[in-house]
Amino acid sequence: MENTSQESKGLSNKAIIVPIVVIITVVVLLIIGGQKHRFKPVLEGEAAPAFTVSDLKGNTVQLSDYKGKVVFLNFWATWCKPCEEEIPSMEVMYAVLKKQYSNFELLAMSIDSQGADVVESFAKKYRVTFPVLHDRKGKIKEMYKTTGVPETFIIDQNGIIAEKVIGPRNWNRQESVKTIIELLLNGPSSPDKYKRNKAVY
């Protein structure tokens, strides 16, 4: 009788333990899956994450405001030396392209945690004429999974990322603006083509 009692206790314990192990396993897998998504990079051929942010005057700006345009979205900071070196060529590119193409826009997304006055002072120093946005809390930076600054996303007229550029670039050079010019002249391509183009680079 004693053995039967012990066996039934053992079976009872197993009946409790197995579901608990299954539940724990499922929870762990869900957590891992969630973490993977959290750190998965935003790449060419994917929809650009929608955002709402303020410019330096406190006006609300949404990415959707620029639907139908080619958007040059650049993440930068006032303390970033490569950004400082890149901005003058961005200004030249902006002045040239904006004059020729009404469906082009450059958005400079500052990730500075300081106040807008610091960012505005920097923009004035370099005589920036393109829109400067302020991601003070870093929410937009997190959405785009940026790895640092500067980092640029070229977004097509349908809101799809056509090119992602990590690090600074001289935007005065013809090869630097190849994707932008192709989009402005020929319109958007398929997401698969953007992925293939990245594989070639």
C-alpha atoms as a PDB file:
ATOM      1  CA  MET A   1       0.000   0.000   0.000  1.00  0.00           C
ATOM      2  CA  GLU A   2       2.830   2.316   0.891  1.00  0.00           C
ATOM      3  CA  ASN A   3       4.436   1.834  -2.550  1.00  0.00           C
ATOM      4  CA  THR A   4       1.130   2.538  -4.293  1.00  0.00           C
ATOM      5  CA  SER A   5       0.721   5.715  -2.249  1.00  0.00           C
ATOM      6  CA  GLN A   6       4.238   6.865  -3.146  1.00  0.00           C
ATOM      7  CA  GLU A   7       3.659   6.061  -6.821  1.00  0.00           C
ATOM      8  CA  SER A   8       0.436   8.051  -6.871  1.00  0.00           C
ATOM      9  CA  LYS A   9       2.216  10.981  -5.187  1.00  0.00           C
ATOM     10  CA  GLY A  10       4.957  10.751  -7.799  1.00  0.00           C
ATOM     11  CA  LEU A  11       2.415  10.734 -10.624  1.00  0.00           C
ATOM     12  CA  SER A  12       0.597  13.646  -8.997  1.00  0.00           C
ATOM     13  CA  ASN A  13       3.849  15.638  -8.771  1.00  0.00           C
ATOM     14  CA  LYS A  14       4.628  14.891 -12.427  1.00  0.00           C
ATOM     15  CA  ALA A  15       1.148  16.042 -13.422  1.00  0.00           C
ATOM     16  CA  ILE A  16       1.863  19.386 -11.742  1.00  0.00           C
ATOM     17  CA  ILE A  17       5.496  19.786 -12.836  1.00  0.00           C
ATOM     18  CA  VAL A  18       5.022  19.033 -16.564  1.00  0.00           C
ATOM     19  CA  PRO A  19       2.480  21.851 -17.207  1.00  0.00           C
ATOM     20  CA  ILE A  20       4.647  24.280 -15.201  1.00  0.00           C
ATOM     21  CA  VAL A  21       7.713  23.400 -17.294  1.00  0.00           C
ATOM     22  CA  VAL A  22       5.682  23.828 -20.496  1.00  0.00           C
ATOM     23  CA  ILE A  23       4.390  27.238 -19.357  1.00  0.00           C
ATOM     24  CA  ILE A  24       7.892  28.421 -18.380  1.00  0.00           C
ATOM     25  CA  THR A  25       9.280  27.238 -21.736  1.00  0.00           C
ATOM     26  CA  VAL A  26       6.551  29.102 -23.653  1.00  0.00           C
ATOM     27  CA  VAL A  27       7.139  32.302 -21.632  1.00  0.00           C
ATOM     28  CA  VAL A  28      10.917  32.129 -22.206  1.00  0.00           C
ATOM     29  CA  LEU A  29      10.422  31.608 -25.955  1.00  0.00           C
ATOM     30  CA  LEU A  30       8.020  34.555 -26.123  1.00  0.00           C
ATOM     31  CA  ILE A  31      10.516  36.773 -24.285  1.00  0.00           C
ATOM     32  CA  ILE A  32      13.342  35.724 -26.609  1.00  0.00           C
ATOM     33  CA  GLY A  33      11.118  36.323 -29.648  1.00  0.00           C
ATOM     34  CA  GLY A  34      10.193  39.768 -28.350  1.00  0.00           C
ATOM     35  CA  GLN A  35      13.832  40.661 -27.718  1.00  0.00           C
ATOM     36  CA  LYS A  36      14.779  39.563 -31.250  1.00  0.00           C
ATOM     37  CA  HIS A  37      12.155  41.899 -32.697  1.00  0.00           C
ATOM     38  CA  ARG A  38      13.355  44.689 -30.442  1.00  0.00           C
ATOM     39  CA  PHE A  39      16.911  44.500 -31.780  1.00  0.00           C
ATOM     40  CA  LYS A  40      16.088  43.522 -35.373  1.00  0.00           C
ATOM     41  CA  PRO A  41      17.545  46.268 -37.613  1.00  0.00           C
ATOM     42  CA  VAL A  42      15.362  48.396 -39.874  1.00  0.00           C
ATOM     43  CA  LEU A  43      16.532  47.603 -43.394  1.00  0.00           C
ATOM     44  CA  GLU A  44      16.045  48.419 -47.078  1.00  0.00           C
ATOM     45  CA  GLY A  45      12.759  47.220 -48.509  1.00  0.00           C
ATOM     46  CA  GLU A  46      10.875  47.695 -45.223  1.00  0.00           C
ATOM     47  CA  ALA A  47       8.298  50.366 -44.407  1.00  0.00           C
ATOM     48  CA  ALA A  48       9.875  53.341 -42.661  1.00  0.00           C
ATOM     49  CA  PRO A  49       8.538  53.465 -39.083  1.00  0.00           C
ATOM     50  CA  ALA A  50       5.924  56.201 -38.751  1.00  0.00           C
ATOM     51  CA  PHE A  51       6.719  58.925 -36.238  1.00  0.00           C
ATOM     52  CA  THR A  52       5.433  62.143 -34.744  1.00  0.00           C
ATOM     53  CA  VAL A  53       8.006  64.576 -33.356  1.00  0.00           C
ATOM     54  CA  SER A  54       8.533  68.307 -32.786  1.00  0.00           C
ATOM     55  CA  ASP A  55      10.705  70.680 -34.755  1.00  0.00           C
ATOM     56  CA  LEU A  56      12.808  73.339 -33.016  1.00  0.00           C
ATOM     57  CA  LYS A  57       9.860  75.743 -32.877  1.00  0.00           C
ATOM     58  CA  GLY A  58       7.639  73.171 -31.179  1.00  0.00           C
ATOM     59  CA  ASN A  59       5.571  72.395 -34.282  1.00  0.00           C
ATOM     60  CA  THR A  60       4.407  68.797 -34.695  1.00  0.00           C
ATOM     61  CA  VAL A  61       5.867  66.936 -37.662  1.00  0.00           C
ATOM     62  CA  GLN A  62       4.793  63.503 -38.896  1.00  0.00           C
ATOM     63  CA  LEU A  63       6.529  61.300 -41.444  1.00  0.00           C
ATOM     64  CA  SER A  64       3.130  60.835 -43.112  1.00  0.00           C
ATOM     65  CA  ASP A  65       3.152  64.579 -43.925  1.00  0.00           C
ATOM     66  CA  TYR A  66       5.699  63.743 -46.636  1.00  0.00           C
ATOM     67  CA  LYS A  67       3.881  60.861 -48.344  1.00  0.00           C
ATOM     68  CA  GLY A  68       4.553  61.081 -52.089  1.00  0.00           C
ATOM     69  CA  LYS A  69       7.971  62.680 -51.529  1.00  0.00           C
ATOM     70  CA  VAL A  70      11.496  61.308 -51.390  1.00  0.00           C
ATOM     71  CA  VAL A  71      12.600  61.821 -47.787  1.00  0.00           C
ATOM     72  CA  PHE A  72      16.213  62.032 -46.650  1.00  0.00           C
ATOM     73  CA  LEU A  73      16.035  61.237 -42.915  1.00  0.00           C
ATOM     74  CA  ASN A  74      19.324  61.864 -41.135  1.00  0.00           C
ATOM     75  CA  PHE A  75      19.971  61.082 -37.445  1.00  0.00           C
ATOM     76  CA  TRP A  76      22.671  63.299 -35.940  1.00  0.00           C
ATOM     77  CA  ALA A  77      23.822  65.107 -32.787  1.00  0.00           C
ATOM     78  CA  THR A  78      25.599  68.372 -31.990  1.00  0.00           C
ATOM     79  CA  TRP A  79      28.358  66.497 -30.123  1.00  0.00           C
ATOM     80  CA  CYS A  80      29.072  64.217 -33.094  1.00  0.00           C
ATOM     81  CA  LYS A  81      32.193  65.298 -35.018  1.00  0.00           C
ATOM     82  CA  PRO A  82      31.433  63.234 -38.174  1.00  0.00           C
ATOM     83  CA  CYS A  83      27.936  64.803 -38.183  1.00  0.00           C
ATOM     84  CA  GLU A  84      29.499  68.240 -37.997  1.00  0.00           C
ATOM     85  CA  GLU A  85      31.652  67.385 -41.017  1.00  0.00           C
ATOM     86  CA  GLU A  86      28.696  65.902 -42.949  1.00  0.00           C
ATOM     87  CA  ILE A  87      26.156  68.693 -42.456  1.00  0.00           C
ATOM     88  CA  PRO A  88      27.696  71.257 -44.880  1.00  0.00           C
ATOM     89  CA  SER A  89      27.463  68.761 -47.764  1.00  0.00           C
ATOM     90  CA  MET A  90      23.871  67.981 -46.745  1.00  0.00           C
ATOM     91  CA  GLU A  91      23.067  71.694 -46.920  1.00  0.00           C
ATOM     92  CA  VAL A  92      24.529  71.972 -50.441  1.00  0.00           C
ATOM     93  CA  MET A  93      22.627  68.865 -51.583  1.00  0.00           C
ATOM     94  CA  TYR A  94      19.406  70.181 -50.059  1.00  0.00           C
ATOM     95  CA  ALA A  95      19.728  73.575 -51.737  1.00  0.00           C
ATOM     96  CA  VAL A  96      20.356  72.014 -55.158  1.00  0.00           C
ATOM     97  CA  LEU A  97      17.713  69.264 -55.027  1.00  0.00           C
ATOM     98  CA  LYS A  98      14.999  71.334 -53.336  1.00  0.00           C
ATOM     99  CA  LYS A  99      15.342  73.931 -56.096  1.00  0.00           C
ATOM    100  CA  GLN A 100      14.933  71.300 -58.828  1.00  0.00           C
ATOM    101  CA  TYR A 101      12.488  68.861 -57.230  1.00  0.00           C
ATOM    102  CA  SER A 102       9.451  69.871 -55.184  1.00  0.00           C
ATOM    103  CA  ASN A 103       8.966  66.242 -54.124  1.00  0.00           C
ATOM    104  CA  PHE A 104      12.218  66.080 -52.141  1.00  0.00           C
ATOM    105  CA  GLU A 105      12.607  66.745 -48.420  1.00  0.00           C
ATOM    106  CA  LEU A 106      15.473  66.499 -45.961  1.00  0.00           C
ATOM    107  CA  LEU A 107      14.692  65.945 -42.291  1.00  0.00           C
ATOM    108  CA  ALA A 108      17.562  66.224 -39.811  1.00  0.00           C
ATOM    109  CA  MET A 109      16.633  64.336 -36.633  1.00  0.00           C
ATOM    110  CA  SER A 110      18.748  65.555 -33.704  1.00  0.00           C
ATOM    111  CA  ILE A 111      19.066  63.006 -30.892  1.00  0.00           C
ATOM    112  CA  ASP A 112      20.489  65.584 -28.451  1.00  0.00           C
ATOM    113  CA  SER A 113      19.109  65.169 -24.938  1.00  0.00           C
ATOM    114  CA  GLN A 114      19.664  68.875 -24.241  1.00  0.00           C
ATOM    115  CA  GLY A 115      17.145  71.617 -24.989  1.00  0.00           C
ATOM    116  CA  ALA A 116      16.113  72.807 -28.446  1.00  0.00           C
ATOM    117  CA  ASP A 117      18.173  76.006 -27.994  1.00  0.00           C
ATOM    118  CA  VAL A 118      21.421  73.973 -28.131  1.00  0.00           C
ATOM    119  CA  VAL A 119      20.350  72.298 -31.374  1.00  0.00           C
ATOM    120  CA  GLU A 120      19.108  75.598 -32.837  1.00  0.00           C
ATOM    121  CA  SER A 121      22.410  77.327 -32.014  1.00  0.00           C
ATOM    122  CA  PHE A 122      24.291  74.571 -33.850  1.00  0.00           C
ATOM    123  CA  ALA A 123      21.949  74.791 -36.869  1.00  0.00           C
ATOM    124  CA  LYS A 124      22.443  78.566 -37.052  1.00  0.00           C
ATOM    125  CA  LYS A 125      26.222  78.171 -36.871  1.00  0.00           C
ATOM    126  CA  TYR A 126      26.147  76.033 -40.026  1.00  0.00           C
ATOM    127  CA  ARG A 127      23.392  78.112 -41.688  1.00  0.00           C
ATOM    128  CA  VAL A 128      21.140  75.104 -42.009  1.00  0.00           C
ATOM    129  CA  THR A 129      18.005  75.763 -44.072  1.00  0.00           C
ATOM    130  CA  PHE A 130      16.490  72.255 -44.028  1.00  0.00           C
ATOM    131  CA  PRO A 131      13.982  71.187 -41.331  1.00  0.00           C
ATOM    132  CA  VAL A 132      15.583  70.164 -38.033  1.00  0.00           C
ATOM    133  CA  LEU A 133      13.596  67.846 -35.757  1.00  0.00           C
ATOM    134  CA  HIS A 134      14.354  67.042 -32.126  1.00  0.00           C
ATOM    135  CA  ASP A 135      14.164  63.467 -30.832  1.00  0.00           C
ATOM    136  CA  ARG A 136      15.115  64.552 -27.316  1.00  0.00           C
ATOM    137  CA  LYS A 137      13.927  61.367 -25.575  1.00  0.00           C
ATOM    138  CA  GLY A 138      15.388  59.052 -28.234  1.00  0.00           C
ATOM    139  CA  LYS A 139      12.059  57.416 -29.114  1.00  0.00           C
ATOM    140  CA  ILE A 140      12.461  57.812 -32.894  1.00  0.00           C
ATOM    141  CA  LYS A 141      16.068  56.651 -32.724  1.00  0.00           C
ATOM    142  CA  GLU A 142      14.861  53.467 -31.003  1.00  0.00           C
ATOM    143  CA  MET A 143      12.139  52.937 -33.613  1.00  0.00           C
ATOM    144  CA  TYR A 144      14.745  53.068 -36.397  1.00  0.00           C
ATOM    145  CA  LYS A 145      17.196  50.889 -34.405  1.00  0.00           C
ATOM    146  CA  THR A 146      20.075  53.249 -35.173  1.00  0.00           C
ATOM    147  CA  THR A 147      23.520  52.045 -34.148  1.00  0.00           C
ATOM    148  CA  GLY A 148      25.005  55.528 -33.813  1.00  0.00           C
ATOM    149  CA  VAL A 149      25.228  58.878 -35.556  1.00  0.00           C
ATOM    150  CA  PRO A 150      25.221  59.909 -38.281  1.00  0.00           C
ATOM    151  CA  GLU A 151      22.849  57.425 -39.851  1.00  0.00           C
ATOM    152  CA  THR A 152      20.665  58.151 -42.876  1.00  0.00           C
ATOM    153  CA  PHE A 153      17.531  56.562 -44.328  1.00  0.00           C
ATOM    154  CA  ILE A 154      16.446  57.364 -47.889  1.00  0.00           C
ATOM    155  CA  ILE A 155      12.674  56.830 -47.954  1.00  0.00           C
ATOM    156  CA  ASP A 156      10.791  56.526 -51.245  1.00  0.00           C
ATOM    157  CA  GLN A 157       7.475  58.081 -52.248  1.00  0.00           C
ATOM    158  CA  ASN A 158       5.577  55.084 -50.843  1.00  0.00           C
ATOM    159  CA  GLY A 159       7.236  55.277 -47.432  1.00  0.00           C
ATOM    160  CA  ILE A 160       9.612  52.348 -48.073  1.00  0.00           C
ATOM    161  CA  ILE A 161      13.304  52.525 -47.133  1.00  0.00           C
ATOM    162  CA  ALA A 162      15.272  52.517 -50.394  1.00  0.00           C
ATOM    163  CA  GLU A 163      18.732  52.946 -48.850  1.00  0.00           C
ATOM    164  CA  LYS A 164      20.276  52.981 -45.397  1.00  0.00           C
ATOM    165  CA  VAL A 165      23.630  54.695 -44.864  1.00  0.00           C
ATOM    166  CA  ILE A 166      25.580  54.060 -41.663  1.00  0.00           C
ATOM    167  CA  GLY A 167      28.208  56.704 -40.959  1.00  0.00           C
ATOM    168  CA  PRO A 168      29.002  59.997 -42.665  1.00  0.00           C
ATOM    169  CA  ARG A 169      28.986  60.579 -46.409  1.00  0.00           C
ATOM    170  CA  ASN A 170      29.960  63.452 -48.661  1.00  0.00           C
ATOM    171  CA  TRP A 171      26.560  64.290 -50.152  1.00  0.00           C
ATOM    172  CA  ASN A 172      28.135  66.564 -52.783  1.00  0.00           C
ATOM    173  CA  ARG A 173      29.343  63.523 -54.712  1.00  0.00           C
ATOM    174  CA  GLN A 174      27.230  62.102 -57.538  1.00  0.00           C
ATOM    175  CA  GLU A 175      27.552  58.500 -56.357  1.00  0.00           C
ATOM    176  CA  SER A 176      26.318  59.508 -52.896  1.00  0.00           C
ATOM    177  CA  VAL A 177      22.976  60.771 -54.215  1.00  0.00           C
ATOM    178  CA  LYS A 178      22.467  58.044 -56.859  1.00  0.00           C
ATOM    179  CA  THR A 179      19.475  56.453 -55.067  1.00  0.00           C
ATOM    180  CA  ILE A 180      17.844  59.840 -54.415  1.00  0.00           C
ATOM    181  CA  ILE A 181      18.161  60.953 -58.061  1.00  0.00           C
ATOM    182  CA  GLU A 182      16.823  57.627 -59.350  1.00  0.00           C
ATOM    183  CA  LEU A 183      13.777  57.956 -57.092  1.00  0.00           C
ATOM    184  CA  LEU A 184      13.157  61.560 -58.113  1.00  0.00           C
ATOM    185  CA  LEU A 185      13.461  60.807 -61.836  1.00  0.00           C
ATOM    186  CA  ASN A 186      11.905  57.358 -62.073  1.00  0.00           C
ATOM    187  CA  GLY A 187       9.697  57.025 -59.010  1.00  0.00           C
ATOM    188  CA  PRO A 188       9.739  54.239 -56.404  1.00  0.00           C
ATOM    189  CA  SER A 189      10.889  50.685 -57.091  1.00  0.00           C
ATOM    190  CA  SER A 190       9.724  47.437 -55.519  1.00  0.00           C
ATOM    191  CA  PRO A 191      10.895  46.627 -51.964  1.00  0.00           C
ATOM    192  CA  ASP A 192      12.656  43.530 -53.343  1.00  0.00           C
ATOM    193  CA  LYS A 193      14.776  45.695 -55.647  1.00  0.00           C
ATOM    194  CA  TYR A 194      15.946  47.802 -52.705  1.00  0.00           C
ATOM    195  CA  LYS A 195      16.985  44.603 -50.915  1.00  0.00           C
ATOM    196  CA  ARG A 196      18.850  43.372 -54.004  1.00  0.00           C
ATOM    197  CA  ASN A 197      20.597  46.719 -54.444  1.00  0.00           C
ATOM    198  CA  LYS A 198      21.841  46.516 -50.847  1.00  0.00           C
ATOM    199  CA  ALA A 199      23.203  43.027 -51.478  1.00  0.00           C
ATOM    200  CA  VAL A 200      25.214  44.405 -54.424  1.00  0.00           C
ATOM    201  CA  TYR A 201      26.811  47.161 -52.273  1.00  0.00           C
END
